[in-house]
Protein backbone atom coordinates (compact mmCIF):
# COMPACT_ATOMS: atom_id res chain seq x y z
CA MET A 1 -38.58 -33.66 61.98
CA SER A 2 -39.72 -34.59 58.47
CA LYS A 3 -43.21 -33.99 59.07
CA GLN A 4 -42.65 -30.46 60.45
CA ILE A 5 -40.42 -29.66 57.17
CA GLY A 6 -43.62 -30.95 54.85
CA VAL A 7 -45.73 -28.77 56.90
CA LEU A 8 -43.43 -25.57 56.45
CA ARG A 9 -43.24 -26.68 52.96
CA LEU A 10 -46.64 -26.68 52.12
CA GLY A 11 -47.37 -23.13 53.92
CA VAL A 12 -44.58 -21.67 52.09
CA THR A 13 -46.01 -22.99 48.63
CA ILE A 14 -49.45 -21.53 49.90
CA LEU A 15 -48.16 -18.29 50.61
CA ALA A 16 -46.37 -17.97 47.59
CA SER A 17 -49.46 -19.20 45.50
CA ALA A 18 -51.68 -16.71 47.10
CA ALA A 19 -49.13 -13.83 46.21
CA PHE A 20 -48.73 -14.81 42.71
CA VAL A 21 -52.67 -14.86 42.45
CA ALA A 22 -52.61 -11.29 43.95
CA THR A 23 -49.77 -9.95 41.90
CA TRP A 24 -50.61 -11.41 38.46
CA SER A 25 -54.35 -10.13 39.11
CA SER A 26 -52.94 -6.66 39.51
CA GLY A 27 -51.70 -6.96 36.03
CA PHE A 28 -55.10 -6.41 34.40
CA LEU A 29 -55.90 -3.31 36.76
CA VAL A 30 -52.79 -1.05 35.83
CA PRO A 31 -54.12 -0.36 32.22
CA ALA A 32 -57.63 0.37 33.50
CA ILE A 33 -56.11 2.92 36.32
CA ALA A 34 -53.40 4.60 34.24
CA THR A 35 -55.34 6.19 31.73
CA ASP A 36 -52.82 9.30 31.12
CA ALA A 37 -50.42 7.68 28.83
CA SER A 38 -51.03 4.86 25.73
CA PRO A 39 -50.54 1.19 26.82
CA LEU A 40 -47.13 1.08 24.88
CA THR A 41 -45.71 3.83 26.86
CA LEU A 42 -46.33 2.61 29.91
CA LEU A 43 -45.19 -0.81 28.82
CA VAL A 44 -41.98 0.90 27.71
CA TRP A 45 -41.52 2.34 31.27
CA ARG A 46 -42.59 -0.36 33.11
CA PHE A 47 -39.79 -2.66 31.53
CA VAL A 48 -36.98 -0.65 31.06
CA PRO A 49 -35.88 0.97 34.36
CA LEU A 50 -36.46 -2.46 35.70
CA ALA A 51 -33.96 -4.26 33.20
CA VAL A 52 -31.56 -2.11 34.15
CA VAL A 53 -32.00 -2.68 37.79
CA LEU A 54 -31.73 -6.37 37.13
CA ILE A 55 -28.70 -6.26 34.99
CA VAL A 56 -26.99 -4.39 37.62
CA VAL A 57 -28.07 -7.04 40.25
CA VAL A 58 -27.20 -9.85 38.24
CA LEU A 59 -23.41 -8.42 37.57
CA ALA A 60 -23.02 -7.59 41.51
CA SER A 61 -24.32 -10.95 42.42
CA GLY A 62 -22.45 -13.19 40.12
CA ALA A 63 -25.73 -14.85 39.15
CA ALA A 64 -24.67 -15.22 35.46
CA ARG A 65 -21.35 -16.64 36.11
CA GLY A 66 -20.65 -20.00 34.76
CA VAL A 67 -23.92 -20.28 32.84
CA PRO A 68 -23.37 -21.48 29.06
CA ARG A 69 -24.60 -18.66 26.75
CA ALA A 70 -26.58 -21.39 24.87
CA ASP A 71 -28.69 -21.46 28.41
CA MET A 72 -28.77 -17.55 28.09
CA ARG A 73 -30.12 -17.66 24.23
CA ARG A 74 -32.87 -20.33 25.35
CA GLN A 75 -34.16 -17.97 28.11
CA ALA A 76 -33.97 -15.06 25.78
CA LEU A 77 -36.64 -17.05 23.37
CA ILE A 78 -38.41 -18.06 26.45
CA GLY A 79 -38.57 -14.42 27.70
CA ILE A 80 -40.06 -13.03 24.38
CA PHE A 81 -42.83 -15.55 24.33
CA ALA A 82 -43.89 -15.53 27.82
CA GLN A 83 -43.26 -11.78 28.67
CA PHE A 84 -43.25 -9.85 25.71
CA GLY A 85 -45.57 -11.17 23.68
CA TYR A 86 -48.24 -11.92 26.58
CA CYS A 87 -47.79 -8.23 28.05
CA ALA A 88 -48.05 -6.66 24.58
CA ALA A 89 -50.78 -8.76 23.60
CA VAL A 90 -52.98 -7.85 26.56
CA TYR A 91 -52.04 -4.09 26.41
CA ALA A 92 -52.86 -4.00 22.65
CA ALA A 93 -56.26 -5.66 23.57
CA VAL A 94 -56.88 -2.66 26.23
CA ALA A 95 -55.78 -0.06 23.78
CA ALA A 96 -58.46 -1.62 21.09
CA GLY A 97 -61.14 -1.29 23.48
CA VAL A 98 -61.70 -4.74 24.65
CA ALA A 99 -63.21 -5.36 28.03
CA THR A 100 -60.92 -6.18 30.99
CA GLY A 101 -63.42 -9.00 31.54
CA THR A 102 -63.55 -10.32 27.98
CA THR A 103 -59.52 -10.22 28.13
CA ALA A 104 -59.65 -12.41 31.30
CA LEU A 105 -62.13 -14.82 30.03
CA ILE A 106 -59.93 -15.85 27.33
CA ASP A 107 -57.01 -15.76 29.20
CA ALA A 108 -58.82 -18.15 31.43
CA VAL A 109 -59.00 -20.97 29.25
CA GLN A 110 -55.28 -21.36 29.47
CA PRO A 111 -55.32 -24.04 32.14
CA LEU A 112 -57.49 -26.35 30.02
CA VAL A 113 -55.45 -25.57 26.97
CA VAL A 114 -52.42 -26.78 28.75
CA ALA A 115 -54.09 -29.77 30.45
CA MET A 116 -54.51 -31.14 26.76
CA LEU A 117 -51.56 -30.53 25.51
CA VAL A 118 -49.38 -31.80 28.66
CA GLY A 119 -49.66 -35.15 27.56
CA PRO A 120 -48.52 -35.34 23.91
CA LEU A 121 -45.89 -32.60 24.63
CA LEU A 122 -44.59 -33.49 27.84
CA GLY A 123 -45.30 -37.06 28.36
CA LEU A 124 -47.21 -36.09 31.55
CA ARG A 125 -50.89 -37.60 32.49
CA VAL A 126 -53.51 -35.08 33.42
CA ARG A 127 -55.88 -37.33 36.20
CA ALA A 128 -59.74 -37.43 36.15
CA ALA A 129 -59.53 -35.36 39.58
CA GLN A 130 -57.50 -32.99 37.72
CA TRP A 131 -59.53 -32.54 34.65
CA ALA A 132 -62.60 -32.18 37.14
CA GLY A 133 -61.09 -29.44 38.90
CA LEU A 134 -60.09 -27.58 35.76
CA VAL A 135 -63.42 -27.88 34.31
CA LEU A 136 -65.02 -26.59 37.49
CA GLY A 137 -62.85 -23.79 37.77
CA ALA A 138 -63.33 -22.98 34.13
CA LEU A 139 -67.03 -22.61 35.12
CA GLY A 140 -66.40 -20.37 38.00
CA VAL A 141 -64.21 -17.92 35.78
CA LEU A 142 -67.15 -18.14 33.15
CA LEU A 143 -69.78 -17.18 36.06
CA VAL A 144 -67.18 -14.41 37.33
CA VAL A 145 -66.22 -12.78 33.92
CA ARG A 146 -69.65 -12.96 32.33
CA SER A 147 -70.98 -11.05 35.47
CA GLN A 148 -68.19 -8.53 34.88
CA LEU A 149 -68.91 -7.94 31.16
CA GLY A 150 -69.41 -4.61 29.81
CA GLY A 151 -69.93 -3.00 26.49
CA SER A 152 -66.94 -2.78 24.19
CA ASP A 153 -66.68 -1.09 20.64
CA ALA A 154 -63.34 -2.86 19.76
CA PRO A 155 -63.45 -4.39 16.41
CA PRO A 156 -63.76 -8.02 15.96
CA SER A 157 -60.12 -8.43 14.94
CA ALA A 158 -59.16 -7.22 18.25
CA TYR A 159 -60.06 -10.21 20.11
CA LEU A 160 -57.44 -12.17 18.45
CA LEU A 161 -55.09 -10.42 20.98
CA PRO A 162 -56.09 -11.92 24.20
CA ALA A 163 -55.97 -14.96 22.35
CA LEU A 164 -52.73 -14.28 21.20
CA ALA A 165 -51.60 -13.31 24.84
CA MET A 166 -52.84 -16.80 25.95
CA VAL A 167 -50.69 -18.71 23.12
CA CYS A 168 -47.51 -16.80 23.87
CA LEU A 169 -47.94 -17.67 27.65
CA ILE A 170 -48.16 -21.21 26.96
CA ILE A 171 -45.25 -21.37 24.37
CA GLY A 172 -43.40 -19.75 26.91
CA THR A 173 -44.27 -21.82 29.73
CA PHE A 174 -43.92 -25.28 27.88
CA LEU A 175 -40.25 -24.35 26.25
CA GLN A 176 -39.30 -23.61 30.09
CA ARG A 177 -40.78 -27.14 31.22
CA ARG A 178 -39.13 -28.84 28.34
CA SER A 179 -35.95 -27.01 28.89
CA ALA A 180 -32.91 -28.59 30.73
CA VAL A 181 -31.62 -25.02 31.24
CA HIS A 182 -31.75 -23.88 35.07
CA THR A 183 -30.63 -20.60 34.99
CA GLY A 184 -32.26 -19.57 38.77
CA VAL A 185 -35.37 -17.17 39.17
CA LEU A 186 -33.03 -14.00 39.34
CA LEU A 187 -31.31 -14.71 36.39
CA THR A 188 -34.56 -15.90 34.24
CA LEU A 189 -36.30 -12.68 35.16
CA ALA A 190 -33.40 -10.39 34.21
CA ILE A 191 -32.94 -12.09 30.97
CA HIS A 192 -36.63 -11.98 30.36
CA VAL A 193 -37.02 -8.37 31.20
CA THR A 194 -34.41 -7.15 29.27
CA VAL A 195 -35.43 -9.08 25.71
CA THR A 196 -38.82 -7.41 26.63
CA ALA A 197 -37.28 -3.89 27.47
CA VAL A 198 -35.26 -4.26 24.04
CA ALA A 199 -38.16 -5.09 22.02
CA LEU A 200 -40.39 -2.36 23.24
CA LEU A 201 -37.97 0.46 22.93
CA LEU A 202 -37.87 -0.56 19.39
CA ILE A 203 -41.52 -0.75 18.94
CA ALA A 204 -41.94 2.39 20.69
CA ALA A 205 -39.34 4.38 18.94
CA PHE A 206 -40.78 3.30 15.63
CA ALA A 207 -44.39 4.22 16.84
CA GLY A 208 -43.40 7.53 18.42
CA ALA A 209 -44.67 6.60 22.02
CA LEU A 210 -41.30 6.79 23.93
CA VAL A 211 -41.46 10.43 25.75
CA PRO A 212 -43.60 9.72 28.97
CA PRO A 213 -45.91 11.86 30.52
CA ALA A 214 -44.97 14.17 33.42
CA SER A 215 -47.53 13.41 35.58
CA GLY A 216 -46.73 11.57 39.06
CA SER A 217 -49.57 8.82 38.52
CA PHE A 218 -48.03 7.33 35.66
CA TRP A 219 -44.65 6.72 37.36
CA ILE A 220 -46.61 5.52 40.09
CA ALA A 221 -48.07 3.03 37.75
CA ALA A 222 -45.03 2.38 36.16
CA ALA A 223 -43.26 1.62 39.23
CA PHE A 224 -46.24 -0.42 40.48
CA SER A 225 -46.44 -2.51 37.38
CA ALA A 226 -42.61 -3.03 37.28
CA ALA A 227 -42.44 -4.43 41.12
CA PHE A 228 -45.79 -6.47 41.22
CA PRO A 229 -46.83 -7.74 37.69
CA THR A 230 -43.48 -7.64 36.47
CA LEU A 231 -41.20 -8.76 38.97
CA ALA A 232 -42.77 -10.32 41.76
CA ALA A 233 -45.91 -12.27 39.64
CA TYR A 234 -43.18 -13.73 37.04
CA GLY A 235 -40.79 -14.58 39.46
CA LEU A 236 -43.45 -16.67 41.36
CA TYR A 237 -44.66 -17.93 38.20
CA TRP A 238 -41.56 -19.71 37.41
CA TRP A 239 -40.46 -20.51 41.02
CA LEU A 240 -44.13 -22.06 41.23
CA LEU A 241 -43.61 -23.86 38.14
CA ARG A 242 -40.75 -25.87 39.38
CA ARG A 243 -42.34 -26.30 42.98
CA VAL A 244 -45.98 -27.46 42.08
CA GLY A 245 -45.71 -28.47 38.26
CA ILE A 246 -47.69 -27.39 35.08
CA THR A 247 -50.88 -28.50 35.83
CA ALA A 248 -51.11 -27.12 39.67
CA LEU A 249 -49.67 -23.78 38.52
CA ASN A 250 -52.14 -23.04 35.88
CA ALA A 251 -55.17 -24.24 38.09
CA LEU A 252 -54.10 -21.26 39.97
CA LEU A 253 -54.55 -19.06 36.98
CA PHE A 254 -58.14 -19.74 37.29
CA LEU A 255 -58.24 -17.43 40.65
CA VAL A 256 -57.02 -14.37 39.04
CA ALA A 257 -60.58 -13.37 37.34
CA PRO A 258 -62.37 -13.44 40.89
CA ALA A 259 -59.22 -11.84 42.32
CA THR A 260 -59.42 -9.03 39.77
CA ALA A 261 -63.35 -8.96 40.02
CA ALA A 262 -62.97 -8.20 43.86
CA ALA A 263 -60.31 -5.93 43.20
CA GLY A 264 -62.10 -4.07 40.61
CA ALA A 265 -65.21 -3.86 43.00
CA LEU A 266 -63.02 -2.22 45.71
CA LEU A 267 -61.12 0.23 43.66
CA LEU A 268 -62.78 1.08 40.55
CA GLY A 269 -66.58 0.65 42.05
CA GLU A 270 -67.34 -2.35 39.65
CA GLN A 271 -70.49 -4.66 40.72
CA LEU A 272 -70.36 -7.87 42.44
CA THR A 273 -73.44 -9.89 42.06
CA VAL A 274 -74.72 -13.37 43.28
CA VAL A 275 -73.39 -14.66 40.26
CA THR A 276 -69.78 -13.24 40.64
CA LEU A 277 -69.78 -14.93 44.26
CA ILE A 278 -70.95 -18.46 42.71
CA GLY A 279 -68.07 -17.89 40.50
CA PHE A 280 -65.75 -17.23 43.24
CA VAL A 281 -66.90 -20.32 44.98
CA LEU A 282 -66.69 -22.41 41.57
CA CYS A 283 -63.20 -21.11 41.07
CA GLY A 284 -61.88 -21.82 44.66
CA ALA A 285 -63.19 -25.69 44.90
CA GLY A 286 -61.83 -26.34 41.14
CA VAL A 287 -58.48 -25.24 42.37
CA GLY A 288 -58.66 -26.91 45.46
CA VAL A 289 -59.38 -30.41 43.69
CA VAL A 290 -56.51 -29.88 41.45
CA LEU A 291 -54.01 -29.05 44.11
CA ALA A 292 -55.32 -31.85 46.59
CA SER A 293 -54.90 -34.33 43.52
CA GLU A 294 -51.46 -33.22 42.60
CA SER A 295 -50.55 -33.30 46.64
CA ARG A 296 -51.75 -37.00 46.77
CA ALA A 297 -49.62 -37.98 43.56
CA SER A 298 -46.80 -36.37 44.57
CA ARG A 299 -46.79 -37.87 48.37
CA PRO A 300 -44.07 -40.47 48.55
CA ARG A 301 -45.44 -44.02 49.15
CA ASP A 302 -44.77 -45.70 52.63
CA PRO A 303 -42.89 -48.77 51.69
CA HIS A 304 -44.12 -50.46 54.82
CA SER A 305 -47.74 -49.94 54.05
CA ASN A 306 -47.24 -52.89 51.57
CA PRO A 307 -47.24 -56.25 53.16
CA LEU A 308 -44.89 -57.86 50.16
CA ARG A 309 -42.55 -54.91 50.81
CA ARG A 310 -42.60 -55.19 54.86
CA ARG A 311 -42.14 -59.04 54.26
CA ILE A 312 -39.30 -58.40 51.98
CA ALA A 313 -37.76 -55.94 54.35
CA SER A 314 -38.05 -58.22 56.92
CA ASP A 315 -36.01 -60.81 55.25
CA GLU A 316 -33.15 -58.33 54.45
CA PRO A 317 -29.88 -58.69 56.88
CA ALA A 318 -29.43 -55.89 59.30
CA THR A 319 -26.27 -54.64 57.42
CA SER A 320 -28.12 -53.53 54.47
CA ARG A 321 -30.63 -51.11 56.44
């Protein structure tokens, strides 16, 4: 029975991981497709309606009942970094003319940065097999993105924006991982989306970017980005962080660049080369190595496999078993 539960748990985790990669990747495509409004306007109308919906759902479900205000303030701080900071910096990079491939390349460095920081900040050890998988995945991302790079007229300072997005998500992830706050995925999302919506409203009002265009394509893009890159992707991000751990979760981010490149080929007609396909294989292999190592490390050891433990167990009285 426990074996069946383990197989079911593994299957759910695999499906959730695949959905996470797909929905997170879609966030890179929305700014490239929705070109009839400024990225700031799109961000505002991506978050504000969703914040209203989530607040109503939280109030109706009682998800915030009994949660200390200190925990909510902690989640608001995490949301400022992980959602507002990350999304605003990515969209600002696109608006400044930084190529999507370049943004993805800088963003893909995150798993290696996290792997270097989990030791001193969280007291966790990254095993040799995990390092090998992370490096393999990084090589794959480099090949995928390099094959997709196009010309860019962005000023040199604009290339700091994708790096800022990466740093914001890393800070938010470590704050969440180190925190003893357990607010549930629904309340976590509601808080993060709400603080992001408020910050975007203030910035857009100051910049004169509040008024949305009347085109239907804009509202389709806003609804899509609210449902998938925001609600689904971030919900799965926090759920998987608790389920598989920070190293395995960040290894999954290596698959975002290949998924984005494949979707770009299908939807935008971008070219896929042999180098791109080799990068796909390396990314998949790297993630597989990390997840396999994580699975072996988290597998409970059978006490009966140790001869000394078997002997001790056999000497114990029957009433203690």
